[in-house]
PDB file of all heavy atoms in Angstrom:
ATOM      1  N   GLN A   1     137.067   9.651 152.718  1.00  0.00           N
ATOM      2  CA  GLN A   1     136.772   9.549 151.266  1.00  0.00           C
ATOM      3  C   GLN A   1     135.264   9.455 151.016  1.00  0.00           C
ATOM      4  O   GLN A   1     134.775  10.070 150.049  1.00  0.00           O
ATOM      5  CB  GLN A   1     137.500   8.315 150.668  1.00  0.00           C
ATOM      6  CG  GLN A   1     137.429   8.232 149.165  1.00  0.00           C
ATOM      7  CD  GLN A   1     137.974   9.437 148.467  1.00  0.00           C
ATOM      8  OE1 GLN A   1     139.035   9.935 148.862  1.00  0.00           O
ATOM      9  NE2 GLN A   1     137.297   9.910 147.434  1.00  0.00           N
ATOM     10  N   GLN A   2     134.578   8.730 151.903  1.00  0.00           N
ATOM     11  CA  GLN A   2     133.112   8.643 151.751  1.00  0.00           C
ATOM     12  C   GLN A   2     132.451  10.016 151.947  1.00  0.00           C
ATOM     13  O   GLN A   2     131.517  10.369 151.189  1.00  0.00           O
ATOM     14  CB  GLN A   2     132.512   7.611 152.738  1.00  0.00           C
ATOM     15  CG  GLN A   2     132.934   6.168 152.370  1.00  0.00           C
ATOM     16  CD  GLN A   2     132.515   5.175 153.448  1.00  0.00           C
ATOM     17  OE1 GLN A   2     132.152   5.570 154.580  1.00  0.00           O
ATOM     18  NE2 GLN A   2     132.505   3.872 153.146  1.00  0.00           N
ATOM     19  N   LEU A   3     132.914  10.762 152.959  1.00  0.00           N
ATOM     20  CA  LEU A   3     132.390  12.067 153.227  1.00  0.00           C
ATOM     21  C   LEU A   3     132.607  12.990 152.034  1.00  0.00           C
ATOM     22  O   LEU A   3     131.725  13.736 151.616  1.00  0.00           O
ATOM     23  CB  LEU A   3     133.052  12.670 154.477  1.00  0.00           C
ATOM     24  CG  LEU A   3     132.577  12.093 155.797  1.00  0.00           C
ATOM     25  CD1 LEU A   3     133.443  12.676 156.943  1.00  0.00           C
ATOM     26  CD2 LEU A   3     131.130  12.482 156.079  1.00  0.00           C
ATOM     27  N   LYS A   4     133.823  12.916 151.478  1.00  0.00           N
ATOM     28  CA  LYS A   4     134.127  13.738 150.314  1.00  0.00           C
ATOM     29  C   LYS A   4     133.184  13.437 149.096  1.00  0.00           C
ATOM     30  O   LYS A   4     132.686  14.360 148.423  1.00  0.00           O
ATOM     31  CB  LYS A   4     135.540  13.577 149.870  1.00  0.00           C
ATOM     32  CG  LYS A   4     136.612  14.173 150.811  1.00  0.00           C
ATOM     33  CD  LYS A   4     138.009  13.954 150.266  1.00  0.00           C
ATOM     34  CE  LYS A   4     139.036  14.658 151.176  1.00  0.00           C
ATOM     35  NZ  LYS A   4     140.415  14.436 150.670  1.00  0.00           N
ATOM     36  N   SER A   5     132.959  12.136 148.941  1.00  0.00           N
ATOM     37  CA  SER A   5     132.070  11.710 147.794  1.00  0.00           C
ATOM     38  C   SER A   5     130.635  12.216 148.011  1.00  0.00           C
ATOM     39  O   SER A   5     130.002  12.728 147.049  1.00  0.00           O
ATOM     40  CB  SER A   5     132.112  10.179 147.694  1.00  0.00           C
ATOM     41  OG  SER A   5     133.383   9.681 147.417  1.00  0.00           O
ATOM     42  N   VAL A   6     130.135  12.096 149.231  1.00  0.00           N
ATOM     43  CA  VAL A   6     128.783  12.557 149.475  1.00  0.00           C
ATOM     44  C   VAL A   6     128.687  14.042 149.324  1.00  0.00           C
ATOM     45  O   VAL A   6     127.693  14.570 148.709  1.00  0.00           O
ATOM     46  CB  VAL A   6     128.364  12.164 150.958  1.00  0.00           C
ATOM     47  CG1 VAL A   6     127.058  12.850 151.360  1.00  0.00           C
ATOM     48  CG2 VAL A   6     128.248  10.671 151.104  1.00  0.00           C
ATOM     49  N   ARG A   7     129.655  14.808 149.836  1.00  0.00           N
ATOM     50  CA  ARG A   7     129.618  16.239 149.694  1.00  0.00           C
ATOM     51  C   ARG A   7     129.739  16.687 148.243  1.00  0.00           C
ATOM     52  O   ARG A   7     129.027  17.634 147.810  1.00  0.00           O
ATOM     53  CB  ARG A   7     130.782  16.864 150.511  1.00  0.00           C
ATOM     54  CG  ARG A   7     130.538  16.755 152.041  1.00  0.00           C
ATOM     55  CD  ARG A   7     131.800  17.081 152.830  1.00  0.00           C
ATOM     56  NE  ARG A   7     131.543  16.976 154.277  1.00  0.00           N
ATOM     57  CZ  ARG A   7     132.537  16.870 155.157  1.00  0.00           C
ATOM     58  NH1 ARG A   7     133.793  16.839 154.767  1.00  0.00           N
ATOM     59  NH2 ARG A   7     132.216  16.785 156.448  1.00  0.00           N
ATOM     60  N   TYR A   8     130.611  16.018 147.486  1.00  0.00           N
ATOM     61  CA  TYR A   8     130.753  16.347 146.080  1.00  0.00           C
ATOM     62  C   TYR A   8     129.429  16.097 145.297  1.00  0.00           C
ATOM     63  O   TYR A   8     128.954  16.913 144.521  1.00  0.00           O
ATOM     64  CB  TYR A   8     131.862  15.540 145.455  1.00  0.00           C
ATOM     65  CG  TYR A   8     131.988  15.736 143.950  1.00  0.00           C
ATOM     66  CD1 TYR A   8     132.538  16.854 143.374  1.00  0.00           C
ATOM     67  CD2 TYR A   8     131.457  14.734 143.110  1.00  0.00           C
ATOM     68  CE1 TYR A   8     132.602  17.032 142.021  1.00  0.00           C
ATOM     69  CE2 TYR A   8     131.504  14.909 141.725  1.00  0.00           C
ATOM     70  CZ  TYR A   8     132.096  16.044 141.180  1.00  0.00           C
ATOM     71  OH  TYR A   8     132.119  16.207 139.837  1.00  0.00           O
ATOM     72  N   GLU A   9     128.767  14.964 145.613  1.00  0.00           N
ATOM     73  CA  GLU A   9     127.530  14.639 144.956  1.00  0.00           C
ATOM     74  C   GLU A   9     126.444  15.629 145.273  1.00  0.00           C
ATOM     75  O   GLU A   9     125.696  16.095 144.395  1.00  0.00           O
ATOM     76  CB  GLU A   9     127.103  13.222 145.385  1.00  0.00           C
ATOM     77  CG  GLU A   9     125.828  12.771 144.696  1.00  0.00           C
ATOM     78  CD  GLU A   9     125.404  11.365 145.125  1.00  0.00           C
ATOM     79  OE1 GLU A   9     126.216  10.732 145.854  1.00  0.00           O
ATOM     80  OE2 GLU A   9     124.337  10.931 144.724  1.00  0.00           O
ATOM     81  N   LYS A  10     126.341  16.074 146.557  1.00  0.00           N
ATOM     82  CA  LYS A  10     125.337  17.040 146.954  1.00  0.00           C
ATOM     83  C   LYS A  10     125.594  18.381 146.265  1.00  0.00           C
ATOM     84  O   LYS A  10     124.715  19.078 145.812  1.00  0.00           O
ATOM     85  CB  LYS A  10     125.294  17.186 148.470  1.00  0.00           C
ATOM     86  CG  LYS A  10     124.667  15.995 149.183  1.00  0.00           C
ATOM     87  CD  LYS A  10     124.582  16.238 150.684  1.00  0.00           C
ATOM     88  CE  LYS A  10     123.873  15.097 151.357  1.00  0.00           C
ATOM     89  NZ  LYS A  10     122.436  14.971 150.919  1.00  0.00           N
ATOM     90  N   ALA A  11     126.906  18.765 146.258  1.00  0.00           N
ATOM     91  CA  ALA A  11     127.245  20.067 145.605  1.00  0.00           C
ATOM     92  C   ALA A  11     126.908  20.056 144.136  1.00  0.00           C
ATOM     93  O   ALA A  11     126.391  21.018 143.574  1.00  0.00           O
ATOM     94  CB  ALA A  11     128.699  20.374 145.848  1.00  0.00           C
ATOM     95  N   LEU A  12     127.191  18.911 143.488  1.00  0.00           N
ATOM     96  CA  LEU A  12     126.926  18.789 142.029  1.00  0.00           C
ATOM     97  C   LEU A  12     125.474  18.819 141.749  1.00  0.00           C
ATOM     98  O   LEU A  12     125.031  19.563 140.864  1.00  0.00           O
ATOM     99  CB  LEU A  12     127.555  17.462 141.554  1.00  0.00           C
ATOM    100  CG  LEU A  12     127.369  17.177 140.062  1.00  0.00           C
ATOM    101  CD1 LEU A  12     128.027  18.232 139.191  1.00  0.00           C
ATOM    102  CD2 LEU A  12     127.901  15.773 139.707  1.00  0.00           C
ATOM    103  N   ASN A  13     124.687  18.071 142.551  1.00  0.00           N
ATOM    104  CA  ASN A  13     123.212  18.049 142.331  1.00  0.00           C
ATOM    105  C   ASN A  13     122.571  19.466 142.565  1.00  0.00           C
ATOM    106  O   ASN A  13     121.736  19.899 141.790  1.00  0.00           O
ATOM    107  CB  ASN A  13     122.565  17.064 143.246  1.00  0.00           C
ATOM    108  CG  ASN A  13     122.934  15.595 142.921  1.00  0.00           C
ATOM    109  OD1 ASN A  13     123.303  15.339 141.790  1.00  0.00           O
ATOM    110  ND2 ASN A  13     122.826  14.719 143.866  1.00  0.00           N
ATOM    111  N   ASP A  14     123.067  20.147 143.623  1.00  0.00           N
ATOM    112  CA  ASP A  14     122.530  21.500 143.868  1.00  0.00           C
ATOM    113  C   ASP A  14     122.942  22.450 142.720  1.00  0.00           C
ATOM    114  O   ASP A  14     122.179  23.330 142.312  1.00  0.00           O
ATOM    115  CB  ASP A  14     123.055  22.021 145.206  1.00  0.00           C
ATOM    116  CG  ASP A  14     122.309  21.395 146.374  1.00  0.00           C
ATOM    117  OD1 ASP A  14     121.302  20.708 146.122  1.00  0.00           O
ATOM    118  OD2 ASP A  14     122.751  21.625 147.522  1.00  0.00           O
ATOM    119  N   GLY A  15     124.170  22.296 142.233  1.00  0.00           N
ATOM    120  CA  GLY A  15     124.593  23.151 141.141  1.00  0.00           C
ATOM    121  C   GLY A  15     123.782  22.947 139.861  1.00  0.00           C
ATOM    122  O   GLY A  15     123.405  23.910 139.185  1.00  0.00           O
ATOM    123  N   ILE A  16     123.491  21.641 139.565  1.00  0.00           N
ATOM    124  CA  ILE A  16     122.679  21.355 138.392  1.00  0.00           C
ATOM    125  C   ILE A  16     121.233  21.928 138.556  1.00  0.00           C
ATOM    126  O   ILE A  16     120.698  22.548 137.631  1.00  0.00           O
ATOM    127  CB  ILE A  16     122.587  19.863 138.160  1.00  0.00           C
ATOM    128  CG1 ILE A  16     123.954  19.293 137.768  1.00  0.00           C
ATOM    129  CG2 ILE A  16     121.531  19.499 137.076  1.00  0.00           C
ATOM    130  CD1 ILE A  16     124.053  17.815 137.651  1.00  0.00           C
ATOM    131  N   ALA A  17     120.650  21.760 139.771  1.00  0.00           N
ATOM    132  CA  ALA A  17     119.323  22.277 140.018  1.00  0.00           C
ATOM    133  C   ALA A  17     119.275  23.764 139.905  1.00  0.00           C
ATOM    134  O   ALA A  17     118.366  24.351 139.273  1.00  0.00           O
ATOM    135  CB  ALA A  17     118.831  21.812 141.416  1.00  0.00           C
ATOM    136  N   THR A  18     120.289  24.419 140.444  1.00  0.00           N
ATOM    137  CA  THR A  18     120.351  25.896 140.382  1.00  0.00           C
ATOM    138  C   THR A  18     120.438  26.378 138.920  1.00  0.00           C
ATOM    139  O   THR A  18     119.760  27.295 138.482  1.00  0.00           O
ATOM    140  CB  THR A  18     121.515  26.439 141.156  1.00  0.00           C
ATOM    141  OG1 THR A  18     121.402  26.057 142.544  1.00  0.00           O
ATOM    142  CG2 THR A  18     121.659  27.950 141.099  1.00  0.00           C
ATOM    143  N   GLY A  19     121.268  25.647 138.140  1.00  0.00           N
ATOM    144  CA  GLY A  19     121.440  26.009 136.730  1.00  0.00           C
ATOM    145  C   GLY A  19     120.142  25.859 135.944  1.00  0.00           C
ATOM    146  O   GLY A  19     119.787  26.725 135.116  1.00  0.00           O
ATOM    147  N   LEU A  20     119.364  24.756 136.225  1.00  0.00           N
ATOM    148  CA  LEU A  20     118.107  24.520 135.520  1.00  0.00           C
ATOM    149  C   LEU A  20     117.076  25.611 135.870  1.00  0.00           C
ATOM    150  O   LEU A  20     116.390  26.107 134.969  1.00  0.00           O
ATOM    151  CB  LEU A  20     117.568  23.162 135.914  1.00  0.00           C
ATOM    152  CG  LEU A  20     118.351  21.964 135.371  1.00  0.00           C
ATOM    153  CD1 LEU A  20     117.755  20.639 135.884  1.00  0.00           C
ATOM    154  CD2 LEU A  20     118.366  21.958 133.833  1.00  0.00           C
ATOM    155  N   PHE A  21     117.004  26.010 137.163  1.00  0.00           N
ATOM    156  CA  PHE A  21     116.112  27.067 137.509  1.00  0.00           C
ATOM    157  C   PHE A  21     116.458  28.373 136.881  1.00  0.00           C
ATOM    158  O   PHE A  21     115.609  29.137 136.400  1.00  0.00           O
ATOM    159  CB  PHE A  21     116.078  27.235 139.047  1.00  0.00           C
ATOM    160  CG  PHE A  21     115.230  26.192 139.779  1.00  0.00           C
ATOM    161  CD1 PHE A  21     115.814  25.256 140.613  1.00  0.00           C
ATOM    162  CD2 PHE A  21     113.845  26.184 139.593  1.00  0.00           C
ATOM    163  CE1 PHE A  21     115.017  24.317 141.229  1.00  0.00           C
ATOM    164  CE2 PHE A  21     113.057  25.244 140.208  1.00  0.00           C
ATOM    165  CZ  PHE A  21     113.632  24.281 141.035  1.00  0.00           C
ATOM    166  N   LEU A  22     117.746  28.684 136.805  1.00  0.00           N
ATOM    167  CA  LEU A  22     118.194  29.924 136.183  1.00  0.00           C
ATOM    168  C   LEU A  22     117.875  29.913 134.669  1.00  0.00           C
ATOM    169  O   LEU A  22     117.402  30.933 134.130  1.00  0.00           O
ATOM    170  CB  LEU A  22     119.685  30.106 136.412  1.00  0.00           C
ATOM    171  CG  LEU A  22     120.121  30.535 137.819  1.00  0.00           C
ATOM    172  CD1 LEU A  22     121.628  30.571 137.936  1.00  0.00           C
ATOM    173  CD2 LEU A  22     119.544  31.878 138.183  1.00  0.00           C
ATOM    174  N   ILE A  23     118.158  28.799 134.000  1.00  0.00           N
ATOM    175  CA  ILE A  23     117.842  28.698 132.574  1.00  0.00           C
ATOM    176  C   ILE A  23     116.367  28.885 132.337  1.00  0.00           C
ATOM    177  O   ILE A  23     115.918  29.575 131.410  1.00  0.00           O
ATOM    178  CB  ILE A  23     118.315  27.346 132.049  1.00  0.00           C
ATOM    179  CG1 ILE A  23     119.873  27.305 132.059  1.00  0.00           C
ATOM    180  CG2 ILE A  23     117.808  27.093 130.647  1.00  0.00           C
ATOM    181  CD1 ILE A  23     120.459  25.933 131.679  1.00  0.00           C
ATOM    182  N   GLY A  24     115.501  28.235 133.194  1.00  0.00           N
ATOM    183  CA  GLY A  24     114.086  28.338 133.048  1.00  0.00           C
ATOM    184  C   GLY A  24     113.632  29.804 133.179  1.00  0.00           C
ATOM    185  O   GLY A  24     112.795  30.283 132.439  1.00  0.00           O
ATOM    186  N   ALA A  25     114.159  30.488 134.223  1.00  0.00           N
ATOM    187  CA  ALA A  25     113.790  31.860 134.459  1.00  0.00           C
ATOM    188  C   ALA A  25     114.256  32.776 133.305  1.00  0.00           C
ATOM    189  O   ALA A  25     113.511  33.664 132.903  1.00  0.00           O
ATOM    190  CB  ALA A  25     114.426  32.354 135.786  1.00  0.00           C
ATOM    191  N   ILE A  26     115.414  32.508 132.708  1.00  0.00           N
ATOM    192  CA  ILE A  26     115.921  33.297 131.611  1.00  0.00           C
ATOM    193  C   ILE A  26     115.038  33.115 130.374  1.00  0.00           C
ATOM    194  O   ILE A  26     114.699  34.084 129.669  1.00  0.00           O
ATOM    195  CB  ILE A  26     117.389  32.943 131.310  1.00  0.00           C
ATOM    196  CG1 ILE A  26     118.307  33.402 132.451  1.00  0.00           C
ATOM    197  CG2 ILE A  26     117.848  33.559 129.961  1.00  0.00           C
ATOM    198  CD1 ILE A  26     119.700  32.899 132.305  1.00  0.00           C
ATOM    199  N   ILE A  27     114.676  31.841 130.088  1.00  0.00           N
ATOM    200  CA  ILE A  27     113.831  31.567 128.922  1.00  0.00           C
ATOM    201  C   ILE A  27     112.469  32.227 129.030  1.00  0.00           C
ATOM    202  O   ILE A  27     111.961  32.894 128.085  1.00  0.00           O
ATOM    203  CB  ILE A  27     113.651  30.054 128.757  1.00  0.00           C
ATOM    204  CG1 ILE A  27     114.975  29.373 128.353  1.00  0.00           C
ATOM    205  CG2 ILE A  27     112.581  29.712 127.717  1.00  0.00           C
ATOM    206  CD1 ILE A  27     114.942  27.883 128.315  1.00  0.00           C
ATOM    207  N   LEU A  28     111.867  32.179 130.256  1.00  0.00           N
ATOM    208  CA  LEU A  28     110.570  32.819 130.472  1.00  0.00           C
ATOM    209  C   LEU A  28     110.719  34.339 130.302  1.00  0.00           C
ATOM    210  O   LEU A  28     109.816  34.992 129.717  1.00  0.00           O
ATOM    211  CB  LEU A  28     110.069  32.456 131.819  1.00  0.00           C
ATOM    212  CG  LEU A  28     109.623  31.021 132.067  1.00  0.00           C
ATOM    213  CD1 LEU A  28     109.258  30.800 133.495  1.00  0.00           C
ATOM    214  CD2 LEU A  28     108.459  30.679 131.152  1.00  0.00           C
ATOM    215  N   SER A  29     111.812  34.885 130.803  1.00  0.00           N
ATOM    216  CA  SER A  29     112.012  36.355 130.697  1.00  0.00           C
ATOM    217  C   SER A  29     112.211  36.788 129.237  1.00  0.00           C
ATOM    218  O   SER A  29     111.719  37.838 128.837  1.00  0.00           O
ATOM    219  CB  SER A  29     113.230  36.766 131.531  1.00  0.00           C
ATOM    220  OG  SER A  29     113.001  36.502 132.902  1.00  0.00           O
ATOM    221  N   LEU A  30     112.911  35.972 128.446  1.00  0.00           N
ATOM    222  CA  LEU A  30     113.089  36.278 127.029  1.00  0.00           C
ATOM    223  C   LEU A  30     111.737  36.225 126.280  1.00  0.00           C
ATOM    224  O   LEU A  30     111.476  37.084 125.454  1.00  0.00           O
ATOM    225  CB  LEU A  30     114.093  35.327 126.420  1.00  0.00           C
ATOM    226  CG  LEU A  30     115.563  35.528 126.856  1.00  0.00           C
ATOM    227  CD1 LEU A  30     116.455  34.415 126.243  1.00  0.00           C
ATOM    228  CD2 LEU A  30     116.075  36.887 126.391  1.00  0.00           C
TER     229      LEU A  30
END
């Protein structure tokens, strides 16, 4: 259960970071 929680947290953080970088790149391109 601890492993699952750590993996979920890392996946969530990476997903948020990826989304922010994509949004930033899209805004700059627009």
